[in-house]
């Protein structure tokens, strides 16, 4: 068997002789690209270590984001978090900036919590149907796009049955005149006026149930905030003129009120869920505005329900699986090996297509980092190339599945 060698450059003035090709990284450089001196102290940081952003992230509109380097894990991350970052890098960067600003220089509590959201995930299979799903702990932070998406789905699923049972749905919008106040002051005034409106006989006699949510926008033209409420209302006919006059009487200066009949219930439910989960688009705000909005919404509800919709649960509830779901593989392991391992490819396909899966587990009695550490701590020495590392790792995994010891079949290199 002939071995093809790569051309190397020889420096006659160097005592070390030939040097490595510049385009072929060493194994340590491949495994620890963010480190120039030594690998990280813990094996658990191999695929979860932080890196700085060097590529500029672009957007179509809104203010430019400060390009100060952040602790940003690159988009090639195969964790569950990495898949969400790849879809919305601007949202992730905006949320991370906010967490770092809230932490200050002496703490990393919020930043670590934000960056660890979704890093530990696994695939589960239903014992009866073969359905495959992904489970992962959440940080439940208002600036996390992954948690916002989960909350949006929960709220949409909760509101949809109630909305379809109503005969005459309307979307009512209540605006608040702004006078240069901070978002916290405007929100306090808006909620106070809304409570007054709900207590009036005019409102009680015409509204049988509703789901309301907050929407916050910042005008770059005027440099002021615009906070308003949307309410998905069920009940009798509401005269626009009378509602406008009543709202002006309560607020003293606001007359802009809108009432629209709902023609597409599903779209209306989607709007409710979208704004209820995230009152503002973080990418359209700079850091100072995000801090102001965060302080205004701290310990405040952004949505609610009343009347016939009072029983709608707009918060995620604990799920009781009843022992019907079993773990079949680590998400990062399956994601990295879906192109070379038929088992991982089948699990990946079943999770995203909804097809049942009845094959073997991706990692029987083995952890993602344990087998990789066994390869790195091999008595024959650490692997010198990426190809050698992958060959030894695959041999180790095959031996675990067959029940043989790795020393019984040494690698041919």
Protein backbone atom coordinates (compact mmCIF):
# COMPACT_ATOMS: atom_id res chain seq x y z
CA UNK A 1 0.00 0.00 0.00
CA UNK A 2 1.45 3.32 -1.09
CA UNK A 3 1.10 6.39 1.04
CA UNK A 4 0.81 9.78 -0.61
CA UNK A 5 2.77 12.45 1.22
CA UNK A 6 2.05 16.13 1.27
CA UNK A 7 4.73 18.59 0.16
CA UNK A 8 6.48 20.33 3.02
CA UNK A 9 8.65 23.38 3.18
CA UNK A 10 12.18 23.14 4.58
CA UNK A 11 13.78 26.04 6.36
CA UNK A 12 17.59 25.56 6.11
CA UNK A 13 18.15 27.96 9.01
CA UNK A 14 15.79 26.09 11.34
CA UNK A 15 17.30 23.37 13.57
CA UNK A 16 14.02 21.51 13.53
CA UNK A 17 14.17 20.79 9.82
CA UNK A 18 10.97 20.49 7.81
CA UNK A 19 7.90 22.28 9.12
CA UNK A 20 4.26 21.20 8.99
CA UNK A 21 2.13 22.34 6.06
CA UNK A 22 0.44 25.62 6.99
CA UNK A 23 -2.98 24.45 5.80
CA UNK A 24 -3.04 21.24 7.88
CA UNK A 25 -3.72 22.04 11.56
CA UNK A 26 -2.41 19.81 14.28
CA UNK A 27 -4.77 17.77 16.41
CA UNK A 28 -4.56 20.19 19.36
CA UNK A 29 -5.25 23.14 17.06
CA UNK A 30 -8.27 21.37 15.66
CA UNK A 31 -9.62 20.32 19.05
CA UNK A 32 -8.85 23.58 20.86
CA UNK A 33 -8.97 26.29 18.18
CA UNK A 34 -9.64 29.04 20.71
CA UNK A 35 -6.48 28.32 22.70
CA UNK A 36 -2.97 29.17 21.49
CA UNK A 37 -1.05 27.70 24.39
CA UNK A 38 -2.78 24.84 26.19
CA UNK A 39 -6.06 22.94 26.10
CA UNK A 40 -8.85 23.78 28.54
CA UNK A 41 -8.55 22.25 32.01
CA UNK A 42 -11.81 20.28 31.81
CA UNK A 43 -12.99 17.86 29.17
CA UNK A 44 -16.48 19.33 29.41
CA UNK A 45 -15.25 22.50 27.73
CA UNK A 46 -14.18 20.76 24.52
CA UNK A 47 -17.38 21.57 22.65
CA UNK A 48 -18.76 24.30 24.91
CA UNK A 49 -15.86 26.71 25.18
CA UNK A 50 -16.47 30.34 24.29
CA UNK A 51 -14.99 32.15 21.33
CA UNK A 52 -14.83 35.76 20.22
CA UNK A 53 -16.74 37.05 17.25
CA UNK A 54 -14.57 38.19 14.35
CA UNK A 55 -17.09 38.15 11.51
CA UNK A 56 -19.45 41.10 11.22
CA UNK A 57 -23.14 40.31 11.63
CA UNK A 58 -25.45 42.22 9.32
CA UNK A 59 -29.10 43.22 9.57
CA UNK A 60 -31.61 44.79 7.24
CA UNK A 61 -32.85 47.59 9.48
CA UNK A 62 -32.61 49.06 12.95
CA UNK A 63 -29.62 50.54 14.80
CA UNK A 64 -26.15 49.08 14.29
CA UNK A 65 -25.02 46.64 16.97
CA UNK A 66 -21.79 47.44 18.77
CA UNK A 67 -19.07 45.21 17.34
CA UNK A 68 -17.20 44.84 20.62
CA UNK A 69 -15.91 41.23 20.87
CA UNK A 70 -18.19 39.06 22.98
CA UNK A 71 -17.95 35.59 24.45
CA UNK A 72 -19.77 34.08 21.48
CA UNK A 73 -19.70 30.39 20.67
CA UNK A 74 -19.25 29.98 16.93
CA UNK A 75 -22.15 28.95 14.71
CA UNK A 76 -20.61 25.56 13.87
CA UNK A 77 -21.60 24.44 17.37
CA UNK A 78 -23.43 21.09 17.19
CA UNK A 79 -25.27 21.52 20.47
CA UNK A 80 -28.99 22.23 20.60
CA UNK A 81 -28.15 25.82 21.46
CA UNK A 82 -25.95 26.06 18.39
CA UNK A 83 -28.87 25.30 16.08
CA UNK A 84 -30.85 28.22 17.49
CA UNK A 85 -27.85 30.56 17.33
CA UNK A 86 -27.32 29.71 13.66
CA UNK A 87 -30.91 30.69 12.88
CA UNK A 88 -30.86 34.06 14.64
CA UNK A 89 -27.30 35.26 15.41
CA UNK A 90 -28.38 38.90 15.79
CA UNK A 91 -30.94 38.02 18.48
CA UNK A 92 -28.39 35.91 20.33
CA UNK A 93 -25.78 38.66 20.25
CA UNK A 94 -28.28 41.26 21.46
CA UNK A 95 -29.34 39.03 24.36
CA UNK A 96 -25.76 38.28 25.31
CA UNK A 97 -24.86 41.97 25.30
CA UNK A 98 -27.77 42.64 27.64
CA UNK A 99 -26.74 39.86 30.03
CA UNK A 100 -23.14 41.08 30.14
CA UNK A 101 -24.31 44.63 30.84
CA UNK A 102 -26.54 43.42 33.69
CA UNK A 103 -23.73 41.30 35.14
CA UNK A 104 -21.15 44.06 35.16
CA UNK A 105 -17.44 43.34 35.55
CA UNK A 106 -17.55 41.25 38.73
CA UNK A 107 -20.19 38.67 37.82
CA UNK A 108 -21.01 36.23 35.03
CA UNK A 109 -24.17 34.73 36.50
CA UNK A 110 -26.65 35.87 33.85
CA UNK A 111 -24.18 35.49 30.99
CA UNK A 112 -23.35 31.91 31.94
CA UNK A 113 -27.01 31.06 32.39
CA UNK A 114 -27.82 32.57 29.00
CA UNK A 115 -24.98 30.83 27.14
CA UNK A 116 -25.65 27.45 28.76
CA UNK A 117 -29.29 27.38 27.65
CA UNK A 118 -29.67 24.42 25.32
CA UNK A 119 -26.10 23.15 25.57
CA UNK A 120 -27.28 19.95 27.30
CA UNK A 121 -29.98 18.24 25.24
CA UNK A 122 -30.94 14.70 24.39
CA UNK A 123 -33.30 12.75 22.17
CA UNK A 124 -36.20 10.83 23.71
CA UNK A 125 -38.38 8.13 22.19
CA UNK A 126 -41.96 7.25 23.10
CA UNK A 127 -42.25 3.59 24.10
CA UNK A 128 -45.65 3.19 22.46
CA UNK A 129 -45.59 5.32 19.31
CA UNK A 130 -41.88 5.53 18.51
CA UNK A 131 -42.10 9.34 18.29
CA UNK A 132 -38.75 11.11 18.80
CA UNK A 133 -38.41 14.51 20.47
CA UNK A 134 -35.68 16.72 21.92
CA UNK A 135 -35.58 17.62 25.61
CA UNK A 136 -33.34 20.25 27.17
CA UNK A 137 -33.37 22.50 30.26
CA UNK A 138 -34.23 26.16 29.63
CA UNK A 139 -32.86 29.35 31.15
CA UNK A 140 -36.35 30.99 31.00
CA UNK A 141 -34.85 34.44 30.44
CA UNK A 142 -36.80 37.12 28.59
CA UNK A 143 -33.88 37.88 26.26
CA UNK A 144 -33.30 34.25 25.20
CA UNK A 145 -34.69 33.61 21.71
CA UNK A 146 -34.96 29.87 22.28
CA UNK A 147 -37.06 30.31 25.44
CA UNK A 148 -39.13 33.01 23.71
CA UNK A 149 -39.95 30.52 20.96
CA UNK A 150 -41.00 27.89 23.49
CA UNK A 151 -43.20 30.38 25.34
CA UNK A 152 -44.74 31.46 22.04
CA UNK A 153 -45.75 27.88 21.21
CA UNK A 154 -47.15 27.33 24.71
CA UNK A 155 -49.25 30.49 24.59
CA UNK A 156 -50.50 29.77 21.07
CA UNK A 157 -51.57 26.25 22.05
CA UNK A 158 -53.36 27.62 25.13
CA UNK A 159 -55.23 30.46 23.39
CA UNK A 160 -56.23 28.65 20.18
CA UNK A 161 -59.02 26.40 21.60
CA UNK A 162 -60.67 29.35 23.36
CA UNK A 163 -60.41 31.59 20.28
CA UNK A 164 -62.06 29.03 17.99
CA UNK A 165 -65.04 28.71 20.36
CA UNK A 166 -65.88 32.43 20.17
CA UNK A 167 -68.32 33.74 17.56
CA UNK A 168 -67.31 37.40 17.26
CA UNK A 169 -63.64 38.03 17.94
CA UNK A 170 -62.19 41.51 17.78
CA UNK A 171 -58.69 42.93 18.17
CA UNK A 172 -58.76 46.08 20.29
CA UNK A 173 -55.67 48.33 20.43
CA UNK A 174 -55.25 50.92 23.21
CA UNK A 175 -52.47 53.47 22.88
CA UNK A 176 -50.93 55.73 25.50
CA UNK A 177 -49.76 59.25 24.72
CA UNK A 178 -46.06 59.62 25.45
CA UNK A 179 -44.38 62.68 26.94
CA UNK A 180 -40.76 61.61 27.02
CA UNK A 181 -41.13 59.39 30.10
CA UNK A 182 -39.09 56.28 30.71
CA UNK A 183 -40.60 52.91 29.71
CA UNK A 184 -41.12 52.07 33.39
CA UNK A 185 -43.20 55.20 34.00
CA UNK A 186 -45.19 54.74 30.81
CA UNK A 187 -45.92 51.10 31.61
CA UNK A 188 -47.15 51.96 35.10
CA UNK A 189 -49.51 54.59 33.71
CA UNK A 190 -50.74 52.33 30.89
CA UNK A 191 -51.56 49.41 33.20
CA UNK A 192 -53.33 51.74 35.65
CA UNK A 193 -55.55 53.17 32.89
CA UNK A 194 -56.29 49.69 31.55
CA UNK A 195 -57.48 48.54 34.98
CA UNK A 196 -59.80 51.54 35.12
CA UNK A 197 -61.23 50.68 31.70
CA UNK A 198 -61.95 47.08 32.70
CA UNK A 199 -63.86 48.26 35.76
CA UNK A 200 -66.28 50.44 33.76
CA UNK A 201 -69.81 49.23 33.04
CA UNK A 202 -69.34 50.02 29.35
CA UNK A 203 -66.55 47.45 29.10
CA UNK A 204 -68.08 44.82 31.37
CA UNK A 205 -71.42 44.82 29.52
CA UNK A 206 -69.82 44.25 26.13
CA UNK A 207 -66.76 42.06 26.77
CA UNK A 208 -67.29 38.46 27.89
CA UNK A 209 -63.65 37.39 27.72
CA UNK A 210 -60.28 38.56 26.44
CA UNK A 211 -56.57 37.86 26.20
CA UNK A 212 -54.38 40.98 26.30
CA UNK A 213 -50.68 41.51 25.68
CA UNK A 214 -48.16 44.35 25.66
CA UNK A 215 -46.36 45.71 22.61
CA UNK A 216 -43.36 48.06 22.95
CA UNK A 217 -41.76 50.00 20.12
CA UNK A 218 -39.06 52.63 20.01
CA UNK A 219 -39.25 55.44 17.45
CA UNK A 220 -35.83 56.38 16.14
CA UNK A 221 -37.36 59.42 14.48
CA UNK A 222 -38.71 60.99 17.66
CA UNK A 223 -36.44 59.19 20.13
CA UNK A 224 -39.36 58.12 22.32
CA UNK A 225 -41.05 54.90 23.39
CA UNK A 226 -44.51 53.82 22.22
CA UNK A 227 -46.22 51.36 24.56
CA UNK A 228 -49.67 50.05 23.76
CA UNK A 229 -51.93 47.13 24.58
CA UNK A 230 -53.58 44.66 22.22
CA UNK A 231 -56.58 42.65 23.40
CA UNK A 232 -58.20 39.69 21.65
CA UNK A 233 -61.78 40.37 22.76
CA UNK A 234 -64.91 38.20 22.65
CA UNK A 235 -68.40 39.57 23.29
CA UNK A 236 -70.94 41.99 21.90
CA UNK A 237 -70.53 44.90 19.50
CA UNK A 238 -68.25 47.70 20.79
CA UNK A 239 -68.95 51.18 19.36
CA UNK A 240 -65.63 52.69 18.35
CA UNK A 241 -66.64 56.28 19.13
CA UNK A 242 -67.84 55.50 22.63
CA UNK A 243 -64.73 53.47 23.42
CA UNK A 244 -62.51 56.26 22.12
CA UNK A 245 -64.27 58.87 24.24
CA UNK A 246 -64.12 56.67 27.33
CA UNK A 247 -60.41 55.97 26.84
CA UNK A 248 -59.74 59.69 26.42
CA UNK A 249 -61.66 60.41 29.61
CA UNK A 250 -59.60 57.85 31.53
CA UNK A 251 -56.19 58.81 30.17
CA UNK A 252 -56.78 62.53 29.77
CA UNK A 253 -54.75 62.81 26.55
CA UNK A 254 -55.02 59.61 24.46
CA UNK A 255 -57.63 59.22 21.74
CA UNK A 256 -56.13 56.63 19.39
CA UNK A 257 -58.16 53.41 19.74
CA UNK A 258 -58.52 50.74 17.07
CA UNK A 259 -61.04 47.90 16.72
CA UNK A 260 -60.68 45.26 14.01
CA UNK A 261 -62.85 42.22 13.38
CA UNK A 262 -60.89 38.95 13.31
CA UNK A 263 -61.15 37.11 10.00
CA UNK A 264 -58.24 34.67 10.44
CA UNK A 265 -58.30 33.22 13.95
CA UNK A 266 -55.04 31.30 13.58
CA UNK A 267 -53.17 34.42 12.50
CA UNK A 268 -54.65 36.40 15.39
CA UNK A 269 -53.58 33.69 17.84
CA UNK A 270 -50.07 33.79 16.36
CA UNK A 271 -49.91 37.55 16.88
CA UNK A 272 -51.04 37.15 20.48
CA UNK A 273 -48.42 34.50 21.17
CA UNK A 274 -45.64 36.43 19.43
CA UNK A 275 -46.10 39.67 21.36
CA UNK A 276 -47.01 37.96 24.62
CA UNK A 277 -43.71 36.03 24.57
CA UNK A 278 -41.59 39.02 23.53
CA UNK A 279 -43.07 42.54 23.72
CA UNK A 280 -40.25 44.07 21.63
CA UNK A 281 -37.72 43.09 18.96
CA UNK A 282 -34.33 43.17 20.68
CA UNK A 283 -32.42 43.63 17.43
CA UNK A 284 -34.15 46.97 16.77
CA UNK A 285 -32.87 48.47 20.03
CA UNK A 286 -29.45 49.52 21.20
CA UNK A 287 -28.00 48.41 24.52
CA UNK A 288 -29.25 51.40 26.53
CA UNK A 289 -32.80 50.92 25.29
CA UNK A 290 -32.68 47.19 26.01
CA UNK A 291 -31.62 47.96 29.57
CA UNK A 292 -34.47 50.46 29.99
CA UNK A 293 -37.00 47.95 28.68
CA UNK A 294 -35.62 45.15 30.85
CA UNK A 295 -35.91 47.29 33.98
CA UNK A 296 -39.43 48.33 33.00
CA UNK A 297 -40.61 44.74 32.47
CA UNK A 298 -38.88 43.30 35.53
CA UNK A 299 -41.47 41.56 37.73
CA UNK A 300 -44.22 42.75 35.36
CA UNK A 301 -46.72 40.70 33.39
CA UNK A 302 -46.67 41.16 29.63
CA UNK A 303 -49.95 39.32 29.00
CA UNK A 304 -53.09 38.24 30.82
CA UNK A 305 -56.63 36.97 30.46
CA UNK A 306 -60.05 37.61 31.98
CA UNK A 307 -63.70 36.60 31.68
CA UNK A 308 -64.31 33.40 29.71
CA UNK A 309 -60.56 33.23 28.97
CA UNK A 310 -59.62 33.36 32.65
CA UNK A 311 -58.81 29.66 32.77
CA UNK A 312 -56.22 29.86 29.98
CA UNK A 313 -52.80 28.92 31.30
CA UNK A 314 -50.32 31.28 29.66
CA UNK A 315 -47.36 29.92 31.61
CA UNK A 316 -45.57 26.63 30.94
CA UNK A 317 -46.77 23.85 33.21
CA UNK A 318 -44.77 20.89 34.43
CA UNK A 319 -45.16 17.87 32.16
CA UNK A 320 -45.72 14.37 33.49
CA UNK A 321 -44.39 11.90 30.94
CA UNK A 322 -45.63 8.93 32.92
CA UNK A 323 -42.48 6.95 32.10
CA UNK A 324 -43.43 6.70 28.42
CA UNK A 325 -40.32 8.47 27.14
CA UNK A 326 -36.80 7.03 27.24
CA UNK A 327 -33.48 8.66 26.40
CA UNK A 328 -31.84 7.33 23.23
CA UNK A 329 -28.91 9.64 22.61
CA UNK A 330 -27.12 12.90 23.28
CA UNK A 331 -28.11 15.69 20.88
CA UNK A 332 -24.54 16.83 20.19
CA UNK A 333 -23.40 13.26 19.59
CA UNK A 334 -26.21 12.58 17.12
CA UNK A 335 -25.70 15.92 15.37
CA UNK A 336 -21.98 15.36 14.88
CA UNK A 337 -22.35 11.80 13.62
CA UNK A 338 -25.55 11.98 11.57
CA UNK A 339 -23.58 11.93 8.29
CA UNK A 340 -21.42 8.90 9.11
CA UNK A 341 -23.53 6.81 11.52
CA UNK A 342 -26.77 5.23 10.19
CA UNK A 343 -28.27 5.10 13.68
CA UNK A 344 -27.68 8.80 14.29
CA UNK A 345 -28.99 9.64 10.82
CA UNK A 346 -32.22 7.71 11.47
CA UNK A 347 -32.76 9.39 14.86
CA UNK A 348 -32.09 12.83 13.38
CA UNK A 349 -34.55 12.24 10.53
CA UNK A 350 -37.24 10.90 12.84
CA UNK A 351 -36.95 13.90 15.16
CA UNK A 352 -37.47 16.49 12.42
CA UNK A 353 -39.95 14.61 10.20
CA UNK A 354 -42.15 13.07 12.91
CA UNK A 355 -41.64 9.53 11.61
CA UNK A 356 -41.55 6.76 14.27
CA UNK A 357 -38.16 5.30 15.15
CA UNK A 358 -37.71 1.72 16.35
CA UNK A 359 -33.94 1.30 15.97
CA UNK A 360 -31.19 1.02 18.59
CA UNK A 361 -30.03 3.80 20.88
CA UNK A 362 -27.31 6.12 19.63
CA UNK A 363 -25.24 5.87 22.81
CA UNK A 364 -25.94 2.73 24.83
CA UNK A 365 -24.59 3.22 28.33
CA UNK A 366 -22.01 5.72 27.10
CA UNK A 367 -21.57 9.43 27.55
CA UNK A 368 -20.41 11.79 24.83
CA UNK A 369 -17.34 12.98 26.71
CA UNK A 370 -16.33 9.70 28.32
CA UNK A 371 -15.47 7.86 25.12
CA UNK A 372 -13.66 10.88 23.68
CA UNK A 373 -11.60 11.17 26.85
CA UNK A 374 -10.71 7.48 26.60
CA UNK A 375 -9.28 8.13 23.15
CA UNK A 376 -7.32 11.17 24.32
CA UNK A 377 -5.90 9.22 27.30
CA UNK A 378 -4.95 6.17 25.22
CA UNK A 379 -1.71 4.49 26.53
CA UNK A 380 -0.33 4.56 22.97
CA UNK A 381 -0.43 8.34 23.11
CA UNK A 382 -2.93 10.94 21.92
CA UNK A 383 -3.90 10.85 18.24
CA UNK A 384 -1.86 13.11 16.00
CA UNK A 385 -4.47 13.92 13.34
CA UNK A 386 -8.21 14.38 13.17
CA UNK A 387 -8.56 11.28 11.00
CA UNK A 388 -6.68 9.18 13.53
CA UNK A 389 -8.83 10.55 16.35
CA UNK A 390 -12.07 9.68 14.55
CA UNK A 391 -10.85 6.18 13.62
CA UNK A 392 -9.92 5.39 17.22
CA UNK A 393 -13.17 6.87 18.49
CA UNK A 394 -15.26 4.81 16.06
CA UNK A 395 -13.32 1.67 16.98
CA UNK A 396 -13.98 2.33 20.68
CA UNK A 397 -17.70 2.83 20.10
CA UNK A 398 -17.93 -0.32 18.00
CA UNK A 399 -16.18 -2.33 20.72
CA UNK A 400 -18.61 -0.99 23.34
CA UNK A 401 -21.59 -2.06 21.22
CA UNK A 402 -20.15 -5.54 20.58
CA UNK A 403 -19.15 -6.00 24.20
CA UNK A 404 -15.41 -6.41 23.63
CA UNK A 405 -12.57 -4.59 25.30
CA UNK A 406 -10.73 -2.02 23.23
CA UNK A 407 -7.35 -3.58 24.02
CA UNK A 408 -8.40 -6.82 22.30
CA UNK A 409 -8.39 -5.11 18.90
CA UNK A 410 -5.63 -2.47 18.77
CA UNK A 411 -5.78 0.11 16.03
CA UNK A 412 -3.36 -0.43 13.11
CA UNK A 413 -1.49 2.84 13.73
